[in-house]
Amino acid sequence: MKTLIAFTAVAALIAGISIAGAQGSSMDKSGAMGDSSSHVTGTGKFCISGADGALNCKFASLTACQKAASGSEACKARPSSTTGSKY
């Protein structure tokens, strides 16, 4: 019986470590949960996303953003800083 308890405890410990490792590796790939790690400047509704991940949000329209973008830069809607809940 003691062997079974010890085996169960070791298995639970290993499972906990592997789950924590999986969570850490997903954060490494994305930088953080969501896109909150990106540096956002400006107050416009559309942003140019640079190669370093920084967002320059100074454009009122997607068309204006696309005209200003060059090379590998892409236009994105400004990320929301709220959870979506109004209450």
PDB file of N, CA and C in Angstrom:
ATOM      1  N   MET A   1       0.826  -1.186   0.000  1.00  0.00           N
ATOM      2  CA  MET A   1       0.000   0.000   0.000  1.00  0.00           C
ATOM      3  C   MET A   1       0.876   1.259   0.000  1.00  0.00           C
ATOM      4  N   LYS A   2       1.960   1.243   0.779  1.00  0.00           N
ATOM      5  CA  LYS A   2       2.851   2.394   0.812  1.00  0.00           C
ATOM      6  C   LYS A   2       3.488   2.617  -0.559  1.00  0.00           C
ATOM      7  N   THR A   3       3.786   1.544  -1.254  1.00  0.00           N
ATOM      8  CA  THR A   3       4.380   1.639  -2.586  1.00  0.00           C
ATOM      9  C   THR A   3       3.406   2.308  -3.554  1.00  0.00           C
ATOM     10  N   LEU A   4       2.151   1.947  -3.469  1.00  0.00           N
ATOM     11  CA  LEU A   4       1.135   2.534  -4.337  1.00  0.00           C
ATOM     12  C   LEU A   4       0.989   4.028  -4.061  1.00  0.00           C
ATOM     13  N   ILE A   5       0.987   4.422  -2.819  1.00  0.00           N
ATOM     14  CA  ILE A   5       0.887   5.843  -2.451  1.00  0.00           C
ATOM     15  C   ILE A   5       2.118   6.604  -2.946  1.00  0.00           C
ATOM     16  N   ALA A   6       3.293   6.034  -2.765  1.00  0.00           N
ATOM     17  CA  ALA A   6       4.523   6.686  -3.220  1.00  0.00           C
ATOM     18  C   ALA A   6       4.523   6.820  -4.738  1.00  0.00           C
ATOM     19  N   PHE A   7       4.103   5.783  -5.448  1.00  0.00           N
ATOM     20  CA  PHE A   7       4.050   5.826  -6.904  1.00  0.00           C
ATOM     21  C   PHE A   7       3.064   6.899  -7.380  1.00  0.00           C
ATOM     22  N   THR A   8       1.915   6.978  -6.736  1.00  0.00           N
ATOM     23  CA  THR A   8       0.909   7.975  -7.091  1.00  0.00           C
ATOM     24  C   THR A   8       1.437   9.395  -6.857  1.00  0.00           C
ATOM     25  N   ALA A   9       2.133   9.600  -5.750  1.00  0.00           N
ATOM     26  CA  ALA A   9       2.689  10.914  -5.444  1.00  0.00           C
ATOM     27  C   ALA A   9       3.747  11.317  -6.475  1.00  0.00           C
ATOM     28  N   VAL A  10       4.606  10.391  -6.861  1.00  0.00           N
ATOM     29  CA  VAL A  10       5.637  10.669  -7.859  1.00  0.00           C
ATOM     30  C   VAL A  10       4.998  10.965  -9.212  1.00  0.00           C
ATOM     31  N   ALA A  11       3.980  10.192  -9.597  1.00  0.00           N
ATOM     32  CA  ALA A  11       3.296  10.417 -10.867  1.00  0.00           C
ATOM     33  C   ALA A  11       2.619  11.789 -10.888  1.00  0.00           C
ATOM     34  N   ALA A  12       2.003  12.185  -9.787  1.00  0.00           N
ATOM     35  CA  ALA A  12       1.359  13.498  -9.701  1.00  0.00           C
ATOM     36  C   ALA A  12       2.392  14.613  -9.789  1.00  0.00           C
ATOM     37  N   LEU A  13       3.528  14.429  -9.167  1.00  0.00           N
ATOM     38  CA  LEU A  13       4.597  15.427  -9.219  1.00  0.00           C
ATOM     39  C   LEU A  13       5.126  15.586 -10.640  1.00  0.00           C
ATOM     40  N   ILE A  14       5.350  14.483 -11.312  1.00  0.00           N
ATOM     41  CA  ILE A  14       5.844  14.533 -12.694  1.00  0.00           C
ATOM     42  C   ILE A  14       4.807  15.177 -13.607  1.00  0.00           C
ATOM     43  N   ALA A  15       3.547  14.842 -13.434  1.00  0.00           N
ATOM     44  CA  ALA A  15       2.484  15.434 -14.260  1.00  0.00           C
ATOM     45  C   ALA A  15       2.409  16.938 -14.027  1.00  0.00           C
ATOM     46  N   GLY A  16       2.542  17.369 -12.797  1.00  0.00           N
ATOM     47  CA  GLY A  16       2.509  18.803 -12.483  1.00  0.00           C
ATOM     48  C   GLY A  16       3.665  19.545 -13.113  1.00  0.00           C
ATOM     49  N   ILE A  17       4.832  18.956 -13.122  1.00  0.00           N
ATOM     50  CA  ILE A  17       6.003  19.587 -13.730  1.00  0.00           C
ATOM     51  C   ILE A  17       5.831  19.680 -15.239  1.00  0.00           C
ATOM     52  N   SER A  18       5.311  18.626 -15.863  1.00  0.00           N
ATOM     53  CA  SER A  18       5.157  18.664 -17.317  1.00  0.00           C
ATOM     54  C   SER A  18       4.081  19.667 -17.732  1.00  0.00           C
ATOM     55  N   ILE A  19       3.027  19.828 -16.953  1.00  0.00           N
ATOM     56  CA  ILE A  19       2.000  20.821 -17.265  1.00  0.00           C
ATOM     57  C   ILE A  19       2.580  22.222 -17.118  1.00  0.00           C
ATOM     58  N   ALA A  20       3.332  22.461 -16.052  1.00  0.00           N
ATOM     59  CA  ALA A  20       3.941  23.777 -15.860  1.00  0.00           C
ATOM     60  C   ALA A  20       4.940  24.070 -16.969  1.00  0.00           C
ATOM     61  N   GLY A  21       5.666  23.082 -17.413  1.00  0.00           N
ATOM     62  CA  GLY A  21       6.606  23.261 -18.517  1.00  0.00           C
ATOM     63  C   GLY A  21       5.894  23.601 -19.808  1.00  0.00           C
ATOM     64  N   ALA A  22       4.754  22.968 -20.049  1.00  0.00           N
ATOM     65  CA  ALA A  22       3.993  23.245 -21.264  1.00  0.00           C
ATOM     66  C   ALA A  22       3.452  24.668 -21.239  1.00  0.00           C
ATOM     67  N   GLN A  23       3.020  25.149 -20.096  1.00  0.00           N
ATOM     68  CA  GLN A  23       2.524  26.521 -19.997  1.00  0.00           C
ATOM     69  C   GLN A  23       3.653  27.503 -20.236  1.00  0.00           C
ATOM     70  N   GLY A  24       4.804  27.236 -19.704  1.00  0.00           N
ATOM     71  CA  GLY A  24       5.949  28.124 -19.898  1.00  0.00           C
ATOM     72  C   GLY A  24       6.388  28.178 -21.343  1.00  0.00           C
ATOM     73  N   SER A  25       6.380  27.042 -22.042  1.00  0.00           N
ATOM     74  CA  SER A  25       6.825  27.039 -23.428  1.00  0.00           C
ATOM     75  C   SER A  25       5.845  27.768 -24.324  1.00  0.00           C
ATOM     76  N   SER A  26       4.548  27.735 -24.034  1.00  0.00           N
ATOM     77  CA  SER A  26       3.592  28.473 -24.861  1.00  0.00           C
ATOM     78  C   SER A  26       3.758  29.968 -24.649  1.00  0.00           C
ATOM     79  N   MET A  27       4.141  30.383 -23.468  1.00  0.00           N
ATOM     80  CA  MET A  27       4.365  31.803 -23.229  1.00  0.00           C
ATOM     81  C   MET A  27       5.635  32.261 -23.928  1.00  0.00           C
ATOM     82  N   ASP A  28       6.645  31.388 -24.007  1.00  0.00           N
ATOM     83  CA  ASP A  28       7.876  31.764 -24.679  1.00  0.00           C
ATOM     84  C   ASP A  28       7.643  32.002 -26.165  1.00  0.00           C
ATOM     85  N   LYS A  29       6.785  31.200 -26.785  1.00  0.00           N
ATOM     86  CA  LYS A  29       6.538  31.322 -28.214  1.00  0.00           C
ATOM     87  C   LYS A  29       5.778  32.594 -28.550  1.00  0.00           C
ATOM     88  N   SER A  30       4.827  33.000 -27.685  1.00  0.00           N
ATOM     89  CA  SER A  30       4.009  34.160 -28.003  1.00  0.00           C
ATOM     90  C   SER A  30       4.484  35.415 -27.301  1.00  0.00           C
ATOM     91  N   GLY A  31       5.424  35.312 -26.418  1.00  0.00           N
ATOM     92  CA  GLY A  31       5.900  36.474 -25.680  1.00  0.00           C
ATOM     93  C   GLY A  31       5.152  36.625 -24.374  1.00  0.00           C
ATOM     94  N   ALA A  32       3.872  36.408 -24.377  1.00  0.00           N
ATOM     95  CA  ALA A  32       3.013  36.469 -23.205  1.00  0.00           C
ATOM     96  C   ALA A  32       1.633  36.030 -23.630  1.00  0.00           C
ATOM     97  N   MET A  33       0.766  35.895 -22.669  1.00  0.00           N
ATOM     98  CA  MET A  33      -0.594  35.545 -23.002  1.00  0.00           C
ATOM     99  C   MET A  33      -1.221  36.707 -23.755  1.00  0.00           C
ATOM    100  N   GLY A  34      -1.863  36.444 -24.861  1.00  0.00           N
ATOM    101  CA  GLY A  34      -2.443  37.506 -25.659  1.00  0.00           C
ATOM    102  C   GLY A  34      -1.358  38.319 -26.320  1.00  0.00           C
ATOM    103  N   ASP A  35      -1.627  39.516 -26.759  1.00  0.00           N
ATOM    104  CA  ASP A  35      -0.643  40.393 -27.373  1.00  0.00           C
ATOM    105  C   ASP A  35      -0.278  41.548 -26.461  1.00  0.00           C
ATOM    106  N   SER A  36      -0.481  41.404 -25.188  1.00  0.00           N
ATOM    107  CA  SER A  36      -0.248  42.513 -24.279  1.00  0.00           C
ATOM    108  C   SER A  36       1.232  42.854 -24.142  1.00  0.00           C
ATOM    109  N   SER A  37       2.137  42.005 -24.649  1.00  0.00           N
ATOM    110  CA  SER A  37       3.560  42.287 -24.527  1.00  0.00           C
ATOM    111  C   SER A  37       4.044  43.291 -25.569  1.00  0.00           C
ATOM    112  N   SER A  38       3.259  43.554 -26.604  1.00  0.00           N
ATOM    113  CA  SER A  38       3.654  44.479 -27.651  1.00  0.00           C
ATOM    114  C   SER A  38       3.640  45.903 -27.117  1.00  0.00           C
ATOM    115  N   HIS A  39       4.624  46.675 -27.540  1.00  0.00           N
ATOM    116  CA  HIS A  39       4.680  48.070 -27.146  1.00  0.00           C
ATOM    117  C   HIS A  39       3.793  48.854 -28.104  1.00  0.00           C
ATOM    118  N   VAL A  40       2.801  49.567 -27.558  1.00  0.00           N
ATOM    119  CA  VAL A  40       1.834  50.295 -28.368  1.00  0.00           C
ATOM    120  C   VAL A  40       2.032  51.790 -28.152  1.00  0.00           C
ATOM    121  N   THR A  41       2.195  52.536 -29.262  1.00  0.00           N
ATOM    122  CA  THR A  41       2.276  53.988 -29.187  1.00  0.00           C
ATOM    123  C   THR A  41       1.185  54.591 -30.056  1.00  0.00           C
ATOM    124  N   GLY A  42       0.732  55.778 -29.690  1.00  0.00           N
ATOM    125  CA  GLY A  42      -0.294  56.468 -30.464  1.00  0.00           C
ATOM    126  C   GLY A  42      -1.692  56.135 -29.991  1.00  0.00           C
ATOM    127  N   THR A  43      -2.667  56.861 -30.557  1.00  0.00           N
ATOM    128  CA  THR A  43      -4.052  56.699 -30.126  1.00  0.00           C
ATOM    129  C   THR A  43      -5.001  56.343 -31.272  1.00  0.00           C
ATOM    130  N   GLY A  44      -4.472  56.073 -32.454  1.00  0.00           N
ATOM    131  CA  GLY A  44      -5.305  55.758 -33.608  1.00  0.00           C
ATOM    132  C   GLY A  44      -5.937  54.379 -33.518  1.00  0.00           C
ATOM    133  N   LYS A  45      -6.892  54.140 -34.408  1.00  0.00           N
ATOM    134  CA  LYS A  45      -7.595  52.856 -34.430  1.00  0.00           C
ATOM    135  C   LYS A  45      -6.821  51.776 -35.179  1.00  0.00           C
ATOM    136  N   PHE A  46      -5.849  52.184 -36.026  1.00  0.00           N
ATOM    137  CA  PHE A  46      -5.067  51.213 -36.795  1.00  0.00           C
ATOM    138  C   PHE A  46      -3.584  51.447 -36.570  1.00  0.00           C
ATOM    139  N   CYS A  47      -2.821  50.357 -36.586  1.00  0.00           N
ATOM    140  CA  CYS A  47      -1.407  50.402 -36.230  1.00  0.00           C
ATOM    141  C   CYS A  47      -0.553  49.710 -37.281  1.00  0.00           C
ATOM    142  N   ILE A  48       0.670  50.218 -37.446  1.00  0.00           N
ATOM    143  CA  ILE A  48       1.679  49.509 -38.224  1.00  0.00           C
ATOM    144  C   ILE A  48       2.437  48.632 -37.243  1.00  0.00           C
ATOM    145  N   SER A  49       2.535  47.349 -37.568  1.00  0.00           N
ATOM    146  CA  SER A  49       3.261  46.401 -36.742  1.00  0.00           C
ATOM    147  C   SER A  49       4.663  46.245 -37.313  1.00  0.00           C
ATOM    148  N   GLY A  50       5.674  46.661 -36.547  1.00  0.00           N
ATOM    149  CA  GLY A  50       7.052  46.556 -36.988  1.00  0.00           C
ATOM    150  C   GLY A  50       7.604  45.154 -36.799  1.00  0.00           C
ATOM    151  N   ALA A  51       8.798  44.928 -37.300  1.00  0.00           N
ATOM    152  CA  ALA A  51       9.441  43.617 -37.200  1.00  0.00           C
ATOM    153  C   ALA A  51       9.704  43.229 -35.747  1.00  0.00           C
ATOM    154  N   ASP A  52       9.901  44.224 -34.872  1.00  0.00           N
ATOM    155  CA  ASP A  52      10.165  43.949 -33.464  1.00  0.00           C
ATOM    156  C   ASP A  52       8.894  43.725 -32.649  1.00  0.00           C
ATOM    157  N   GLY A  53       7.722  43.833 -33.298  1.00  0.00           N
ATOM    158  CA  GLY A  53       6.462  43.617 -32.606  1.00  0.00           C
ATOM    159  C   GLY A  53       5.829  44.876 -32.058  1.00  0.00           C
ATOM    160  N   ALA A  54       6.544  45.989 -32.126  1.00  0.00           N
ATOM    161  CA  ALA A  54       5.993  47.253 -31.633  1.00  0.00           C
ATOM    162  C   ALA A  54       4.873  47.720 -32.557  1.00  0.00           C
ATOM    163  N   LEU A  55       3.860  48.354 -31.970  1.00  0.00           N
ATOM    164  CA  LEU A  55       2.725  48.852 -32.738  1.00  0.00           C
ATOM    165  C   LEU A  55       2.707  50.373 -32.716  1.00  0.00           C
ATOM    166  N   ASN A  56       2.707  50.983 -33.905  1.00  0.00           N
ATOM    167  CA  ASN A  56       2.626  52.431 -34.047  1.00  0.00           C
ATOM    168  C   ASN A  56       1.197  52.751 -34.467  1.00  0.00           C
ATOM    169  N   CYS A  57       0.364  53.146 -33.506  1.00  0.00           N
ATOM    170  CA  CYS A  57      -1.075  53.335 -33.736  1.00  0.00           C
ATOM    171  C   CYS A  57      -1.395  54.818 -33.912  1.00  0.00           C
ATOM    172  N   LYS A  58      -1.165  55.321 -35.107  1.00  0.00           N
ATOM    173  CA  LYS A  58      -1.455  56.733 -35.355  1.00  0.00           C
ATOM    174  C   LYS A  58      -2.375  56.922 -36.562  1.00  0.00           C
ATOM    175  N   PHE A  59      -3.065  55.870 -36.963  1.00  0.00           N
ATOM    176  CA  PHE A  59      -3.869  55.937 -38.171  1.00  0.00           C
ATOM    177  C   PHE A  59      -5.356  55.785 -37.850  1.00  0.00           C
ATOM    178  N   ALA A  60      -6.171  56.672 -38.441  1.00  0.00           N
ATOM    179  CA  ALA A  60      -7.615  56.626 -38.231  1.00  0.00           C
ATOM    180  C   ALA A  60      -8.288  55.605 -39.133  1.00  0.00           C
ATOM    181  N   SER A  61      -7.646  55.268 -40.249  1.00  0.00           N
ATOM    182  CA  SER A  61      -8.253  54.306 -41.173  1.00  0.00           C
ATOM    183  C   SER A  61      -7.233  53.263 -41.610  1.00  0.00           C
ATOM    184  N   LEU A  62      -7.752  52.131 -42.045  1.00  0.00           N
ATOM    185  CA  LEU A  62      -6.895  51.059 -42.542  1.00  0.00           C
ATOM    186  C   LEU A  62      -6.172  51.506 -43.809  1.00  0.00           C
ATOM    187  N   THR A  63      -6.858  52.268 -44.649  1.00  0.00           N
ATOM    188  CA  THR A  63      -6.262  52.750 -45.894  1.00  0.00           C
ATOM    189  C   THR A  63      -5.048  53.633 -45.622  1.00  0.00           C
ATOM    190  N   ALA A  64      -5.170  54.542 -44.659  1.00  0.00           N
ATOM    191  CA  ALA A  64      -4.046  55.419 -44.309  1.00  0.00           C
ATOM    192  C   ALA A  64      -2.869  54.612 -43.777  1.00  0.00           C
ATOM    193  N   CYS A  65      -3.166  53.603 -42.980  1.00  0.00           N
ATOM    194  CA  CYS A  65      -2.116  52.738 -42.434  1.00  0.00           C
ATOM    195  C   CYS A  65      -1.401  51.990 -43.556  1.00  0.00           C
ATOM    196  N   GLN A  66      -2.166  51.427 -44.479  1.00  0.00           N
ATOM    197  CA  GLN A  66      -1.582  50.657 -45.575  1.00  0.00           C
ATOM    198  C   GLN A  66      -0.721  51.533 -46.482  1.00  0.00           C
ATOM    199  N   LYS A  67      -1.103  52.788 -46.668  1.00  0.00           N
ATOM    200  CA  LYS A  67      -0.293  53.697 -47.481  1.00  0.00           C
ATOM    201  C   LYS A  67       1.041  54.001 -46.817  1.00  0.00           C
ATOM    202  N   ALA A  68       1.059  54.044 -45.485  1.00  0.00           N
ATOM    203  CA  ALA A  68       2.283  54.367 -44.752  1.00  0.00           C
ATOM    204  C   ALA A  68       3.179  53.148 -44.525  1.00  0.00           C
ATOM    205  N   ALA A  69       2.616  51.957 -44.583  1.00  0.00           N
ATOM    206  CA  ALA A  69       3.385  50.738 -44.313  1.00  0.00           C
ATOM    207  C   ALA A  69       4.347  50.460 -45.463  1.00  0.00           C
ATOM    208  N   SER A  70       5.497  49.909 -45.117  1.00  0.00           N
ATOM    209  CA  SER A  70       6.481  49.564 -46.146  1.00  0.00           C
ATOM    210  C   SER A  70       7.172  48.258 -45.786  1.00  0.00           C
ATOM    211  N   GLY A  71       7.660  47.568 -46.796  1.00  0.00           N
ATOM    212  CA  GLY A  71       8.424  46.330 -46.576  1.00  0.00           C
ATOM    213  C   GLY A  71       7.637  45.269 -45.854  1.00  0.00           C
ATOM    214  N   SER A  72       8.173  44.803 -44.740  1.00  0.00           N
ATOM    215  CA  SER A  72       7.548  43.723 -43.982  1.00  0.00           C
ATOM    216  C   SER A  72       6.551  44.231 -42.950  1.00  0.00           C
ATOM    217  N   GLU A  73       6.304  45.533 -42.910  1.00  0.00           N
ATOM    218  CA  GLU A  73       5.357  46.084 -41.940  1.00  0.00           C
ATOM    219  C   GLU A  73       3.932  45.708 -42.337  1.00  0.00           C
ATOM    220  N   ALA A  74       3.112  45.451 -41.343  1.00  0.00           N
ATOM    221  CA  ALA A  74       1.715  45.075 -41.585  1.00  0.00           C
ATOM    222  C   ALA A  74       0.802  45.986 -40.770  1.00  0.00           C
ATOM    223  N   CYS A  75      -0.397  46.220 -41.278  1.00  0.00           N
ATOM    224  CA  CYS A  75      -1.395  47.022 -40.564  1.00  0.00           C
ATOM    225  C   CYS A  75      -2.335  46.108 -39.789  1.00  0.00           C
ATOM    226  N   LYS A  76      -2.647  46.529 -38.565  1.00  0.00           N
ATOM    227  CA  LYS A  76      -3.537  45.777 -37.692  1.00  0.00           C
ATOM    228  C   LYS A  76      -4.484  46.749 -37.007  1.00  0.00           C
ATOM    229  N   ALA A  77      -5.626  46.249 -36.593  1.00  0.00           N
ATOM    230  CA  ALA A  77      -6.513  47.045 -35.751  1.00  0.00           C
ATOM    231  C   ALA A  77      -5.846  47.189 -34.391  1.00  0.00           C
ATOM    232  N   ARG A  78      -6.037  48.314 -33.751  1.00  0.00           N
ATOM    233  CA  ARG A  78      -5.446  48.543 -32.424  1.00  0.00           C
ATOM    234  C   ARG A  78      -5.966  47.485 -31.462  1.00  0.00           C
ATOM    235  N   PRO A  79      -5.083  46.856 -30.701  1.00  0.00           N
ATOM    236  CA  PRO A  79      -5.539  45.841 -29.742  1.00  0.00           C
ATOM    237  C   PRO A  79      -6.355  46.496 -28.624  1.00  0.00           C
ATOM    238  N   SER A  80      -7.362  45.811 -28.187  1.00  0.00           N
ATOM    239  CA  SER A  80      -8.217  46.322 -27.124  1.00  0.00           C
ATOM    240  C   SER A  80      -7.525  46.128 -25.781  1.00  0.00           C
ATOM    241  N   SER A  81      -7.629  47.110 -24.937  1.00  0.00           N
ATOM    242  CA  SER A  81      -7.028  46.989 -23.606  1.00  0.00           C
ATOM    243  C   SER A  81      -8.082  46.612 -22.573  1.00  0.00           C
ATOM    244  N   THR A  82      -9.298  46.304 -23.020  1.00  0.00           N
ATOM    245  CA  THR A  82     -10.365  45.917 -22.085  1.00  0.00           C
ATOM    246  C   THR A  82     -10.661  44.441 -22.249  1.00  0.00           C
ATOM    247  N   THR A  83     -11.458  43.920 -21.358  1.00  0.00           N
ATOM    248  CA  THR A  83     -11.842  42.520 -21.422  1.00  0.00           C
ATOM    249  C   THR A  83     -13.075  42.317 -22.275  1.00  0.00           C
ATOM    250  N   GLY A  84     -13.690  43.404 -22.718  1.00  0.00           N
ATOM    251  CA  GLY A  84     -14.880  43.309 -23.532  1.00  0.00           C
ATOM    252  C   GLY A  84     -16.146  43.468 -22.702  1.00  0.00           C
ATOM    253  N   SER A  85     -16.031  43.370 -21.412  1.00  0.00           N
ATOM    254  CA  SER A  85     -17.192  43.517 -20.541  1.00  0.00           C
ATOM    255  C   SER A  85     -17.476  44.982 -20.279  1.00  0.00           C
ATOM    256  N   LYS A  86     -18.722  45.386 -20.370  1.00  0.00           N
ATOM    257  CA  LYS A  86     -19.088  46.771 -20.115  1.00  0.00           C
ATOM    258  C   LYS A  86     -19.560  46.969 -18.687  1.00  0.00           C
ATOM    259  N   TYR A  87     -19.622  45.897 -17.905  1.00  0.00           N
ATOM    260  CA  TYR A  87     -20.147  45.997 -16.547  1.00  0.00           C
ATOM    261  C   TYR A  87     -19.120  45.634 -15.531  1.00  0.00           C
TER     262      TYR A  87
END
